[in-house]
């Protein structure tokens, strides 16, 4: 069966049933000609996500900071994301901290703890 292709090469003009390889009147030009251009990407646009408050002030403050990326170019997002991550980690770490004093006083060199007598 002859479908217009050579067994060892590219398709031949005429193709199957005498059809041309390209539609008539449309000859592909070299890359970079007008009409071959991709549309330019749009600038930063807000995502307009609705965020619900969690009730935890530290978490809400950290998550509120995410709105700052709406006004930044992509290369500025990392700083905001790192800041938000640090705020969320601090909020989680605070949940693990026991209530009361932050730490017992350090041991003295003689092995006793607390104040000198």
N, C-alpha and C. Protein backbone atom coordinates (compact mmCIF):
# COMPACT_ATOMS: atom_id res chain seq x y z
N UNK A 1 0.84 -1.16 0.00
CA UNK A 1 0.00 0.00 0.00
C UNK A 1 0.88 1.22 0.00
N UNK A 2 0.60 2.18 -0.86
CA UNK A 2 1.41 3.38 -0.97
C UNK A 2 0.70 4.52 -0.25
N UNK A 3 1.26 4.94 0.90
CA UNK A 3 0.64 6.04 1.65
C UNK A 3 1.43 7.33 1.50
N UNK A 4 2.31 7.39 0.54
CA UNK A 4 3.07 8.61 0.30
C UNK A 4 4.33 8.71 1.13
N UNK A 5 4.68 7.69 1.88
CA UNK A 5 5.90 7.73 2.67
C UNK A 5 6.89 6.74 2.08
N UNK A 6 8.13 7.09 2.22
CA UNK A 6 9.20 6.20 1.79
C UNK A 6 9.60 5.41 3.02
N UNK A 7 9.83 4.15 2.84
CA UNK A 7 10.16 3.28 3.96
C UNK A 7 11.39 3.77 4.71
N UNK A 8 12.28 4.49 4.06
CA UNK A 8 13.53 4.92 4.68
C UNK A 8 13.67 6.44 4.72
N UNK A 9 12.61 7.19 4.54
CA UNK A 9 12.75 8.64 4.52
C UNK A 9 11.49 9.34 4.96
N UNK A 10 11.50 10.66 4.82
CA UNK A 10 10.35 11.46 5.24
C UNK A 10 9.19 11.28 4.27
N UNK A 11 7.99 11.71 4.67
CA UNK A 11 6.83 11.58 3.77
C UNK A 11 7.08 12.34 2.48
N UNK A 12 6.61 11.78 1.40
CA UNK A 12 6.75 12.39 0.09
C UNK A 12 5.57 13.31 -0.18
N UNK A 13 5.80 14.35 -0.98
CA UNK A 13 4.72 15.24 -1.39
C UNK A 13 3.66 14.42 -2.09
N UNK A 14 2.44 14.79 -1.88
CA UNK A 14 1.37 14.03 -2.51
C UNK A 14 0.66 13.18 -1.51
N UNK A 15 1.30 12.66 -0.51
CA UNK A 15 0.71 11.90 0.58
C UNK A 15 -0.32 10.89 0.13
N UNK A 16 -1.11 10.40 1.06
CA UNK A 16 -2.13 9.41 0.72
C UNK A 16 -3.20 10.02 -0.18
N UNK A 17 -3.65 9.26 -1.13
CA UNK A 17 -4.72 9.64 -2.05
C UNK A 17 -4.44 10.95 -2.74
N UNK A 18 -3.19 11.29 -2.98
CA UNK A 18 -2.81 12.48 -3.72
C UNK A 18 -2.92 13.77 -2.95
N UNK A 19 -3.11 13.70 -1.61
CA UNK A 19 -3.20 14.92 -0.82
C UNK A 19 -1.83 15.52 -0.62
N UNK A 20 -1.80 16.85 -0.54
CA UNK A 20 -0.52 17.51 -0.28
C UNK A 20 -0.21 17.42 1.21
N UNK A 21 1.08 17.49 1.54
CA UNK A 21 1.49 17.39 2.93
C UNK A 21 1.00 18.60 3.73
N UNK A 22 1.03 19.80 3.18
CA UNK A 22 0.55 21.01 3.85
C UNK A 22 -0.67 21.51 3.11
N UNK A 23 -1.63 22.12 3.83
CA UNK A 23 -2.80 22.65 3.15
C UNK A 23 -2.38 23.72 2.14
N UNK A 24 -3.09 23.84 1.04
CA UNK A 24 -2.72 24.83 0.03
C UNK A 24 -2.78 26.24 0.61
N UNK A 25 -1.81 27.07 0.21
CA UNK A 25 -1.77 28.45 0.64
C UNK A 25 -1.11 28.67 1.98
N UNK A 26 -0.84 27.62 2.73
CA UNK A 26 -0.19 27.78 4.02
C UNK A 26 1.18 27.13 3.96
N UNK A 27 2.17 27.96 3.78
CA UNK A 27 3.54 27.47 3.74
C UNK A 27 4.19 27.88 5.04
N UNK A 28 4.65 26.92 5.83
CA UNK A 28 5.26 27.29 7.11
C UNK A 28 6.52 28.11 6.87
N UNK A 29 6.64 29.20 7.63
CA UNK A 29 7.80 30.06 7.51
C UNK A 29 8.82 29.72 8.57
N UNK A 30 9.96 30.38 8.52
CA UNK A 30 10.97 30.11 9.54
C UNK A 30 10.47 30.57 10.90
N UNK A 31 10.97 29.93 11.98
CA UNK A 31 10.54 30.31 13.32
C UNK A 31 10.85 31.79 13.58
N UNK A 32 10.00 32.42 14.37
CA UNK A 32 10.23 33.81 14.72
C UNK A 32 9.48 34.78 13.85
N UNK A 33 8.77 34.32 12.85
CA UNK A 33 7.98 35.21 12.01
C UNK A 33 6.72 35.60 12.76
N UNK A 34 6.13 36.74 12.41
CA UNK A 34 4.88 37.13 13.06
C UNK A 34 3.84 36.02 12.88
N UNK A 35 3.07 35.82 13.91
CA UNK A 35 2.08 34.74 13.89
C UNK A 35 2.58 33.50 14.57
N UNK A 36 3.89 33.31 14.67
CA UNK A 36 4.47 32.17 15.36
C UNK A 36 4.79 32.50 16.81
N UNK A 37 4.61 33.75 17.21
CA UNK A 37 4.99 34.18 18.55
C UNK A 37 3.99 33.68 19.58
N UNK A 38 4.51 33.31 20.74
CA UNK A 38 3.64 32.95 21.85
C UNK A 38 3.24 34.23 22.55
N UNK A 39 2.05 34.29 23.10
CA UNK A 39 1.65 35.51 23.80
C UNK A 39 2.54 35.75 25.01
N UNK A 40 2.83 37.01 25.27
CA UNK A 40 3.67 37.37 26.41
C UNK A 40 2.91 37.04 27.69
N UNK A 41 3.63 36.52 28.70
CA UNK A 41 2.95 36.20 29.95
C UNK A 41 2.47 37.47 30.63
N UNK A 42 1.34 37.37 31.27
CA UNK A 42 0.78 38.51 32.00
C UNK A 42 1.61 38.72 33.27
N UNK A 43 1.56 39.92 33.80
CA UNK A 43 2.27 40.23 35.03
C UNK A 43 1.64 39.52 36.22
N UNK A 44 2.18 39.75 37.42
CA UNK A 44 1.63 39.10 38.60
C UNK A 44 0.15 39.47 38.77
N UNK A 45 -0.65 38.50 39.09
CA UNK A 45 -2.07 38.73 39.32
C UNK A 45 -2.48 38.07 40.63
N UNK A 46 -3.25 38.78 41.45
CA UNK A 46 -3.69 38.19 42.72
C UNK A 46 -4.52 36.93 42.47
N UNK A 47 -4.37 35.96 43.34
CA UNK A 47 -5.14 34.73 43.21
C UNK A 47 -6.55 34.90 43.77
N UNK A 48 -6.75 35.91 44.60
CA UNK A 48 -8.05 36.21 45.19
C UNK A 48 -8.62 35.02 45.96
N UNK A 49 -7.77 34.33 46.70
CA UNK A 49 -8.22 33.22 47.52
C UNK A 49 -8.86 33.77 48.79
N UNK A 50 -9.93 33.14 49.23
CA UNK A 50 -10.58 33.53 50.47
C UNK A 50 -10.00 32.65 51.57
N UNK A 51 -9.51 33.30 52.62
CA UNK A 51 -8.89 32.56 53.73
C UNK A 51 -9.74 32.75 54.97
N UNK A 52 -10.07 31.68 55.62
CA UNK A 52 -10.83 31.74 56.86
C UNK A 52 -9.89 31.89 58.04
N UNK A 53 -10.32 32.65 59.03
CA UNK A 53 -9.52 32.81 60.24
C UNK A 53 -9.51 31.49 61.01
N UNK A 54 -8.38 31.18 61.63
CA UNK A 54 -8.26 29.95 62.40
C UNK A 54 -8.61 30.15 63.86
N UNK A 55 -8.54 31.38 64.33
CA UNK A 55 -8.77 31.65 65.75
C UNK A 55 -7.48 31.68 66.54
N UNK A 56 -6.39 31.27 65.95
CA UNK A 56 -5.07 31.32 66.59
C UNK A 56 -4.34 32.53 66.02
N UNK A 57 -4.13 33.58 66.82
CA UNK A 57 -3.55 34.83 66.30
C UNK A 57 -2.22 34.66 65.57
N UNK A 58 -1.34 33.80 66.09
CA UNK A 58 -0.03 33.63 65.43
C UNK A 58 -0.18 32.97 64.07
N UNK A 59 -1.08 32.01 63.96
CA UNK A 59 -1.30 31.32 62.68
C UNK A 59 -1.97 32.27 61.70
N UNK A 60 -2.98 33.00 62.17
CA UNK A 60 -3.67 33.94 61.29
C UNK A 60 -2.73 35.03 60.78
N UNK A 61 -1.83 35.51 61.63
CA UNK A 61 -0.87 36.54 61.20
C UNK A 61 0.07 35.98 60.14
N UNK A 62 0.55 34.75 60.34
CA UNK A 62 1.46 34.13 59.37
C UNK A 62 0.75 33.91 58.04
N UNK A 63 -0.46 33.36 58.09
CA UNK A 63 -1.20 33.10 56.85
C UNK A 63 -1.61 34.39 56.17
N UNK A 64 -1.87 35.43 56.93
CA UNK A 64 -2.21 36.73 56.34
C UNK A 64 -1.08 37.28 55.51
N UNK A 65 0.13 36.92 55.87
CA UNK A 65 1.32 37.38 55.14
C UNK A 65 1.36 36.81 53.72
N UNK A 66 0.67 35.70 53.47
CA UNK A 66 0.66 35.10 52.13
C UNK A 66 0.09 36.06 51.09
N UNK A 67 -0.78 36.97 51.50
CA UNK A 67 -1.35 37.93 50.57
C UNK A 67 -0.31 38.86 49.97
N UNK A 68 0.86 38.98 50.62
CA UNK A 68 1.91 39.84 50.11
C UNK A 68 2.47 39.37 48.78
N UNK A 69 2.38 38.08 48.50
CA UNK A 69 2.94 37.58 47.24
C UNK A 69 2.13 38.04 46.03
N UNK A 70 0.89 38.46 46.26
CA UNK A 70 0.06 38.94 45.15
C UNK A 70 0.67 40.16 44.47
N UNK A 71 1.51 40.89 45.17
CA UNK A 71 2.06 42.14 44.65
C UNK A 71 3.54 42.02 44.30
N UNK A 72 4.06 40.81 44.33
CA UNK A 72 5.49 40.59 44.07
C UNK A 72 5.69 39.77 42.82
N UNK A 73 6.84 39.97 42.19
CA UNK A 73 7.25 39.09 41.10
C UNK A 73 7.59 37.73 41.71
N UNK A 74 7.61 36.72 40.90
CA UNK A 74 7.84 35.36 41.38
C UNK A 74 9.12 35.23 42.20
N UNK A 75 10.17 35.93 41.81
CA UNK A 75 11.44 35.79 42.54
C UNK A 75 11.35 36.37 43.95
N UNK A 76 10.31 37.12 44.29
CA UNK A 76 10.13 37.64 45.64
C UNK A 76 9.28 36.75 46.52
N UNK A 77 8.68 35.72 45.96
CA UNK A 77 7.80 34.84 46.73
C UNK A 77 8.54 34.04 47.79
N UNK A 78 9.75 33.61 47.50
CA UNK A 78 10.48 32.75 48.41
C UNK A 78 10.65 33.38 49.78
N UNK A 79 10.99 34.65 49.83
CA UNK A 79 11.19 35.34 51.10
C UNK A 79 9.90 35.32 51.92
N UNK A 80 8.77 35.57 51.27
CA UNK A 80 7.49 35.57 51.98
C UNK A 80 7.17 34.16 52.47
N UNK A 81 7.34 33.16 51.61
CA UNK A 81 7.04 31.78 52.00
C UNK A 81 7.90 31.32 53.17
N UNK A 82 9.17 31.69 53.16
CA UNK A 82 10.06 31.32 54.27
C UNK A 82 9.61 32.00 55.57
N UNK A 83 9.19 33.26 55.47
CA UNK A 83 8.72 33.98 56.64
C UNK A 83 7.44 33.34 57.20
N UNK A 84 6.52 32.97 56.32
CA UNK A 84 5.28 32.32 56.74
C UNK A 84 5.60 30.98 57.38
N UNK A 85 6.49 30.22 56.77
CA UNK A 85 6.88 28.92 57.32
C UNK A 85 7.47 29.08 58.72
N UNK A 86 8.33 30.07 58.89
CA UNK A 86 8.95 30.31 60.20
C UNK A 86 7.88 30.67 61.23
N UNK A 87 6.91 31.51 60.84
CA UNK A 87 5.83 31.88 61.76
C UNK A 87 4.97 30.69 62.16
N UNK A 88 4.67 29.82 61.19
CA UNK A 88 3.87 28.64 61.50
C UNK A 88 4.64 27.66 62.38
N UNK A 89 5.93 27.51 62.12
CA UNK A 89 6.76 26.63 62.98
C UNK A 89 6.80 27.15 64.41
N UNK A 90 6.94 28.48 64.56
CA UNK A 90 6.97 29.07 65.90
C UNK A 90 5.64 28.82 66.62
N UNK A 91 4.53 28.93 65.90
CA UNK A 91 3.22 28.67 66.50
C UNK A 91 3.10 27.21 66.93
N UNK A 92 3.58 26.29 66.11
CA UNK A 92 3.54 24.87 66.48
C UNK A 92 4.47 24.56 67.65
N UNK A 93 5.66 25.14 67.62
CA UNK A 93 6.61 24.91 68.71
C UNK A 93 6.04 25.42 70.04
N UNK A 94 5.29 26.52 69.99
CA UNK A 94 4.70 27.07 71.21
C UNK A 94 3.67 26.10 71.80
N UNK A 95 3.02 25.31 70.94
CA UNK A 95 2.06 24.33 71.45
C UNK A 95 2.76 23.22 72.24
N UNK A 96 3.99 22.92 71.90
CA UNK A 96 4.75 21.86 72.59
C UNK A 96 5.43 22.35 73.85
N UNK A 97 5.54 23.66 74.03
CA UNK A 97 6.24 24.21 75.19
C UNK A 97 5.37 24.04 76.43
N UNK A 98 5.95 23.60 77.53
CA UNK A 98 5.18 23.46 78.77
C UNK A 98 4.83 24.85 79.32
N UNK A 99 3.69 24.97 79.98
CA UNK A 99 3.34 26.26 80.57
C UNK A 99 4.28 26.58 81.74
N UNK A 100 4.46 27.84 81.99
CA UNK A 100 5.30 28.25 83.12
C UNK A 100 6.64 28.73 82.64
N UNK A 101 7.64 28.69 83.54
CA UNK A 101 8.99 29.16 83.16
C UNK A 101 9.51 28.39 81.96
N UNK A 102 10.30 29.07 81.15
CA UNK A 102 10.78 28.45 79.92
C UNK A 102 11.77 27.33 80.16
N UNK A 103 12.61 27.42 81.20
CA UNK A 103 13.59 26.36 81.45
C UNK A 103 14.07 26.46 82.89
N UNK A 104 14.46 25.33 83.49
CA UNK A 104 15.01 25.40 84.85
C UNK A 104 16.37 26.10 84.82
N UNK A 105 16.77 26.67 85.93
CA UNK A 105 18.08 27.32 85.96
C UNK A 105 19.19 26.32 85.67
N UNK A 106 20.27 26.77 85.05
CA UNK A 106 21.36 25.84 84.72
C UNK A 106 22.05 25.31 85.98
N UNK A 107 22.58 24.09 85.85
CA UNK A 107 23.28 23.46 86.97
C UNK A 107 24.59 24.18 87.23
N UNK A 108 24.98 24.24 88.48
CA UNK A 108 26.24 24.88 88.85
C UNK A 108 27.38 23.87 88.64
N UNK A 109 28.60 24.37 88.53
CA UNK A 109 29.73 23.47 88.29
C UNK A 109 29.90 22.38 89.35
N UNK A 110 29.45 22.63 90.62
CA UNK A 110 29.59 21.59 91.64
C UNK A 110 28.50 20.54 91.57
N UNK A 111 27.59 20.67 90.57
CA UNK A 111 26.56 19.66 90.35
C UNK A 111 25.24 20.00 91.01
N UNK A 112 25.22 21.05 91.86
CA UNK A 112 23.96 21.42 92.49
C UNK A 112 23.19 22.36 91.57
N UNK A 113 21.90 22.40 91.75
CA UNK A 113 21.07 23.28 90.93
C UNK A 113 20.58 24.46 91.76
N UNK A 114 20.22 25.51 91.08
CA UNK A 114 19.58 26.62 91.76
C UNK A 114 20.55 27.65 92.25
N UNK A 115 20.08 28.41 93.30
CA UNK A 115 20.86 29.53 93.82
C UNK A 115 21.97 29.07 94.75
N UNK A 116 22.94 29.95 94.90
CA UNK A 116 24.03 29.68 95.85
C UNK A 116 23.51 29.87 97.26
N UNK A 117 24.05 29.12 98.23
CA UNK A 117 23.59 29.20 99.63
C UNK A 117 24.39 30.17 100.39
